[in-house]
Every structure is written in C-alpha cells, then in structure tokens.
Amino acid sequence: MSKKAVYRPRNWKAYNRSLVQRGSLTVWIDEEVLANWHPEPEGKRQRGGQMRYSDQAIETLLMLRAVYQLPYRQTVGFAQSILDLMGADVNAPDYTLLCKRSEGLAVDLSATSRDEPKHLVIDSTGLKI
C-alpha cells in the first residue's frame, strides 16, 4: 500500500488567503434568463404536472454543482438560496428533475488557475465561466 502524500503549507499568509478566497462567490444572472427560467406559461401546465425548467436553468444548477462538487440535493438548496438572495421570483428545480435532466446536458468547465476567481456568467447567449 502506498503512503499518502502530506501537504504542509510553507507560506501561511498565501495559504490563508487562498482558503478565504474559496468562499468568494460571484454569480451574474441576466434578467432575460430569469424571465425564461420557466419557458412554459403557468396556465399551460396540466393539473398536477411538474413545472418545466429551461435548459439554461438546468445548466446553471449543474455548473454550480460542478464548481462546488455538491450532491444534487445540496445543489438545489444552494441554488435556491442564491436565487432568494437575488430577490428572483423563481424556484430551483427538484433534485430528481435535476438528476434526470443532467443526462442530456454536458457541462464543460475550462481549466483555470486555482489562484484566479471563477466567474459564472449567465446571460441570454448561454452559460460562461
């Protein structure tokens, strides 16, 4: 059995700064995206039917899930708290719907340096990191 490598920080000031930066979150969601969060008008749903969500809404949650390495249930809670803080009048989809819809959508996170902050931008043209 191989021994696990032990990481020992040498520059504590930079290490502490990087730990604090992990908690930094910047999310921009365009008003048009929020307007199309539910592409189907409310009156068109069948009684008892599930609410429909746009692909952008699902991709947004999948991107948050990939960036923060969260399980589906925690992703939904995290996304809903962001939407609530923004004052957006939309709800995050249920975790089961998120899981089902994730099969058909690919989320690509381009590699960036760990020192650089990640900016998640969601506008009418799509999702960008």
Protein backbone atom coordinates (compact mmCIF):
# COMPACT_ATOMS: atom_id res chain seq x y z
CA MET A 1 0.00 0.00 0.00
CA SER A 2 1.42 3.41 -0.95
CA LYS A 3 1.79 6.20 1.55
CA LYS A 4 -0.43 9.23 1.15
CA ALA A 5 1.43 12.47 0.43
CA VAL A 6 1.24 15.00 3.24
CA TYR A 7 0.77 18.65 2.28
CA ARG A 8 2.45 21.13 4.57
CA PRO A 9 1.99 24.81 3.74
CA ARG A 10 5.17 26.85 3.78
CA ASN A 11 3.71 30.28 3.05
CA TRP A 12 0.94 30.61 5.63
CA LYS A 13 -0.12 34.09 4.53
CA ALA A 14 -0.80 32.94 0.95
CA TYR A 15 -2.37 29.70 2.20
CA ASN A 16 -4.80 31.58 4.46
CA ARG A 17 -5.67 33.98 1.64
CA SER A 18 -6.45 31.07 -0.69
CA LEU A 19 -8.69 29.45 1.95
CA VAL A 20 -10.63 32.69 2.40
CA GLN A 21 -10.93 33.08 -1.40
CA ARG A 22 -12.61 29.66 -1.64
CA GLY A 23 -15.68 31.17 -0.04
CA SER A 24 -15.91 34.01 -2.54
CA LEU A 25 -18.85 33.70 -4.90
CA THR A 26 -19.76 35.94 -7.82
CA VAL A 27 -22.80 34.95 -9.87
CA TRP A 28 -24.43 37.13 -12.52
CA ILE A 29 -27.76 36.02 -13.93
CA ASP A 30 -29.23 38.16 -16.70
CA GLU A 31 -32.84 39.35 -16.27
CA GLU A 32 -33.77 37.69 -19.58
CA VAL A 33 -32.57 34.32 -18.29
CA LEU A 34 -34.67 34.69 -15.15
CA ALA A 35 -37.65 35.68 -17.32
CA ASN A 36 -37.22 32.44 -19.32
CA TRP A 37 -36.47 30.24 -16.29
CA HIS A 38 -39.87 28.63 -16.84
CA PRO A 39 -40.30 28.66 -20.64
CA GLU A 40 -43.85 27.34 -20.48
CA PRO A 41 -46.59 29.70 -19.25
CA GLU A 42 -48.14 28.68 -15.94
CA GLY A 43 -51.62 28.24 -17.46
CA LYS A 44 -50.38 25.62 -19.96
CA ARG A 45 -49.43 23.07 -17.31
CA GLN A 46 -51.72 20.16 -16.66
CA ARG A 47 -53.18 19.82 -13.24
CA GLY A 48 -50.66 18.04 -11.01
CA GLY A 49 -47.98 18.23 -13.71
CA GLN A 50 -44.42 19.19 -12.92
CA MET A 51 -43.20 22.69 -13.51
CA ARG A 52 -40.96 22.93 -16.57
CA TYR A 53 -37.49 24.49 -16.49
CA SER A 54 -35.41 25.79 -19.39
CA ASP A 55 -32.14 24.11 -20.35
CA GLN A 56 -30.32 27.22 -19.14
CA ALA A 57 -31.87 26.83 -15.70
CA ILE A 58 -30.73 23.20 -15.50
CA GLU A 59 -27.26 24.06 -16.88
CA THR A 60 -26.92 26.80 -14.28
CA LEU A 61 -27.50 24.39 -11.44
CA LEU A 62 -25.26 21.74 -13.00
CA MET A 63 -22.49 24.34 -13.32
CA LEU A 64 -22.82 25.26 -9.63
CA ARG A 65 -22.79 21.55 -8.81
CA ALA A 66 -19.59 21.00 -10.82
CA VAL A 67 -17.77 24.05 -9.44
CA TYR A 68 -18.55 23.27 -5.80
CA GLN A 69 -18.65 19.45 -6.16
CA LEU A 70 -22.05 19.18 -4.48
CA PRO A 71 -24.57 16.35 -4.45
CA TYR A 72 -27.86 17.09 -6.23
CA ARG A 73 -29.85 17.87 -3.07
CA GLN A 74 -27.27 20.32 -1.76
CA THR A 75 -27.04 21.91 -5.21
CA VAL A 76 -30.76 22.64 -5.17
CA GLY A 77 -30.56 24.18 -1.70
CA PHE A 78 -27.51 26.24 -2.62
CA ALA A 79 -29.09 27.49 -5.85
CA GLN A 80 -32.36 28.36 -4.13
CA SER A 81 -30.51 30.38 -1.50
CA ILE A 82 -28.70 32.32 -4.27
CA LEU A 83 -31.99 32.96 -6.07
CA ASP A 84 -33.58 34.12 -2.80
CA LEU A 85 -30.68 36.48 -2.07
CA MET A 86 -31.02 37.93 -5.56
CA GLY A 87 -34.71 38.52 -4.99
CA ALA A 88 -35.53 36.44 -8.08
CA ASP A 89 -39.12 35.28 -8.29
CA VAL A 90 -38.18 31.77 -9.49
CA ASN A 91 -37.60 28.44 -7.79
CA ALA A 92 -34.84 25.90 -8.24
CA PRO A 93 -35.97 22.58 -9.74
CA ASP A 94 -36.29 19.48 -7.59
CA TYR A 95 -33.15 17.36 -7.24
CA THR A 96 -34.76 14.39 -9.01
CA LEU A 97 -35.59 16.53 -12.03
CA LEU A 98 -32.07 17.95 -11.98
CA CYS A 99 -30.62 14.45 -11.95
CA LYS A 100 -32.83 13.26 -14.83
CA ARG A 101 -32.18 16.31 -17.00
CA SER A 102 -28.42 16.20 -16.33
CA GLU A 103 -28.10 13.10 -18.53
CA GLY A 104 -28.80 15.07 -21.72
CA LEU A 105 -26.76 18.19 -20.89
CA ALA A 106 -22.98 18.44 -20.80
CA VAL A 107 -21.28 20.95 -18.51
CA ASP A 108 -17.76 21.92 -19.54
CA LEU A 109 -15.52 23.64 -17.02
CA SER A 110 -12.42 25.02 -18.66
CA ALA A 111 -9.30 24.68 -16.57
CA THR A 112 -8.26 27.83 -14.74
CA SER A 113 -5.62 28.57 -12.17
CA ARG A 114 -6.56 27.93 -8.56
CA ASP A 115 -5.38 31.46 -7.73
CA GLU A 116 -7.87 33.08 -10.08
CA PRO A 117 -11.51 33.54 -9.06
CA LYS A 118 -14.15 31.76 -11.13
CA HIS A 119 -16.82 34.00 -12.61
CA LEU A 120 -20.05 32.28 -13.55
CA VAL A 121 -21.98 34.46 -16.03
CA ILE A 122 -25.43 33.50 -17.24
CA ASP A 123 -27.00 35.61 -19.98
CA SER A 124 -29.30 35.08 -22.96
CA THR A 125 -26.44 33.60 -25.03
CA GLY A 126 -25.73 30.87 -22.51
CA LEU A 127 -23.56 29.94 -19.57
CA LYS A 128 -19.91 31.01 -19.33
CA ILE A 129 -17.14 30.51 -16.81
